């Protein structure tokens, strides 16, 4: 049976924390920032923790376990 390959695109975009959670950056930060409120821009700058529902699929793609 062949080896499972890591999804390289996902590996470059997310980071695994020490407790096994997946941390990523938010979308909608590329341009058109003048339309967004200051509060929204501040929140978009911070990393987010991916919900467990999606994290399980991502961990499978990253070959974590």
C-alpha atoms as a PDB file:
ATOM      1  CA  UNK A   1       0.000   0.000   0.000  1.00  0.00           C
ATOM      2  CA  UNK A   2       1.421   3.442  -0.909  1.00  0.00           C
ATOM      3  CA  UNK A   3       2.381   6.031   1.687  1.00  0.00           C
ATOM      4  CA  UNK A   4      -0.045   8.824   2.542  1.00  0.00           C
ATOM      5  CA  UNK A   5       1.214  12.155   1.286  1.00  0.00           C
ATOM      6  CA  UNK A   6       1.013  15.424   3.198  1.00  0.00           C
ATOM      7  CA  UNK A   7      -1.057  18.169   1.565  1.00  0.00           C
ATOM      8  CA  UNK A   8       1.737  20.672   0.915  1.00  0.00           C
ATOM      9  CA  UNK A   9      -0.574  23.641   0.301  1.00  0.00           C
ATOM     10  CA  UNK A  10      -2.263  23.186   3.673  1.00  0.00           C
ATOM     11  CA  UNK A  11       1.070  22.626   5.427  1.00  0.00           C
ATOM     12  CA  UNK A  12       2.229  26.077   4.291  1.00  0.00           C
ATOM     13  CA  UNK A  13      -0.940  27.807   5.490  1.00  0.00           C
ATOM     14  CA  UNK A  14      -1.559  26.358   8.954  1.00  0.00           C
ATOM     15  CA  UNK A  15       0.419  25.617  12.094  1.00  0.00           C
ATOM     16  CA  UNK A  16      -0.149  22.905  14.676  1.00  0.00           C
ATOM     17  CA  UNK A  17      -0.118  24.105  18.293  1.00  0.00           C
ATOM     18  CA  UNK A  18       1.467  22.195  21.182  1.00  0.00           C
ATOM     19  CA  UNK A  19      -1.956  20.881  22.274  1.00  0.00           C
ATOM     20  CA  UNK A  20      -2.824  19.661  18.784  1.00  0.00           C
ATOM     21  CA  UNK A  21      -5.086  22.487  17.651  1.00  0.00           C
ATOM     22  CA  UNK A  22      -4.746  24.028  14.195  1.00  0.00           C
ATOM     23  CA  UNK A  23      -3.959  27.727  13.958  1.00  0.00           C
ATOM     24  CA  UNK A  24      -4.391  29.745  10.756  1.00  0.00           C
ATOM     25  CA  UNK A  25      -4.685  33.304   9.496  1.00  0.00           C
ATOM     26  CA  UNK A  26      -8.020  34.801   8.524  1.00  0.00           C
ATOM     27  CA  UNK A  27      -9.064  35.590   4.995  1.00  0.00           C
ATOM     28  CA  UNK A  28     -10.246  38.990   3.674  1.00  0.00           C
ATOM     29  CA  UNK A  29      -7.000  40.789   4.603  1.00  0.00           C
ATOM     30  CA  UNK A  30      -5.533  41.360   1.152  1.00  0.00           C
ATOM     31  CA  UNK A  31      -6.971  44.673   0.030  1.00  0.00           C
ATOM     32  CA  UNK A  32      -9.949  47.059   0.308  1.00  0.00           C
ATOM     33  CA  UNK A  33      -9.187  47.633   3.983  1.00  0.00           C
ATOM     34  CA  UNK A  34     -10.579  51.182   3.979  1.00  0.00           C
ATOM     35  CA  UNK A  35     -14.108  49.764   3.658  1.00  0.00           C
ATOM     36  CA  UNK A  36     -13.721  47.670   6.806  1.00  0.00           C
ATOM     37  CA  UNK A  37     -14.085  49.073  10.310  1.00  0.00           C
ATOM     38  CA  UNK A  38     -11.065  49.455  12.584  1.00  0.00           C
ATOM     39  CA  UNK A  39     -12.422  46.772  14.933  1.00  0.00           C
ATOM     40  CA  UNK A  40     -12.810  44.335  12.042  1.00  0.00           C
ATOM     41  CA  UNK A  41      -9.288  45.071  10.758  1.00  0.00           C
ATOM     42  CA  UNK A  42      -7.811  44.405  14.208  1.00  0.00           C
ATOM     43  CA  UNK A  43      -9.644  41.094  14.478  1.00  0.00           C
ATOM     44  CA  UNK A  44      -8.564  40.041  10.981  1.00  0.00           C
ATOM     45  CA  UNK A  45      -4.911  40.585  11.895  1.00  0.00           C
ATOM     46  CA  UNK A  46      -4.961  37.948  14.628  1.00  0.00           C
ATOM     47  CA  UNK A  47      -4.650  34.205  13.988  1.00  0.00           C
ATOM     48  CA  UNK A  48      -7.672  31.968  14.557  1.00  0.00           C
ATOM     49  CA  UNK A  49      -8.055  28.438  15.911  1.00  0.00           C
ATOM     50  CA  UNK A  50      -9.854  26.154  13.461  1.00  0.00           C
ATOM     51  CA  UNK A  51     -13.015  24.473  14.761  1.00  0.00           C
ATOM     52  CA  UNK A  52     -12.756  20.768  15.633  1.00  0.00           C
ATOM     53  CA  UNK A  53     -15.140  19.772  12.832  1.00  0.00           C
ATOM     54  CA  UNK A  54     -12.744  21.068  10.190  1.00  0.00           C
ATOM     55  CA  UNK A  55      -9.570  20.372  12.176  1.00  0.00           C
ATOM     56  CA  UNK A  56     -10.120  16.614  12.033  1.00  0.00           C
ATOM     57  CA  UNK A  57     -10.196  16.713   8.228  1.00  0.00           C
ATOM     58  CA  UNK A  58      -7.122  18.960   8.137  1.00  0.00           C
ATOM     59  CA  UNK A  59      -5.180  16.692  10.488  1.00  0.00           C
ATOM     60  CA  UNK A  60      -5.899  13.798   8.151  1.00  0.00           C
ATOM     61  CA  UNK A  61      -4.539  15.844   5.246  1.00  0.00           C
ATOM     62  CA  UNK A  62      -1.432  16.717   7.291  1.00  0.00           C
ATOM     63  CA  UNK A  63      -0.912  13.092   8.429  1.00  0.00           C
ATOM     64  CA  UNK A  64      -1.027  14.041  12.116  1.00  0.00           C
ATOM     65  CA  UNK A  65      -1.886  11.358  14.708  1.00  0.00           C
END
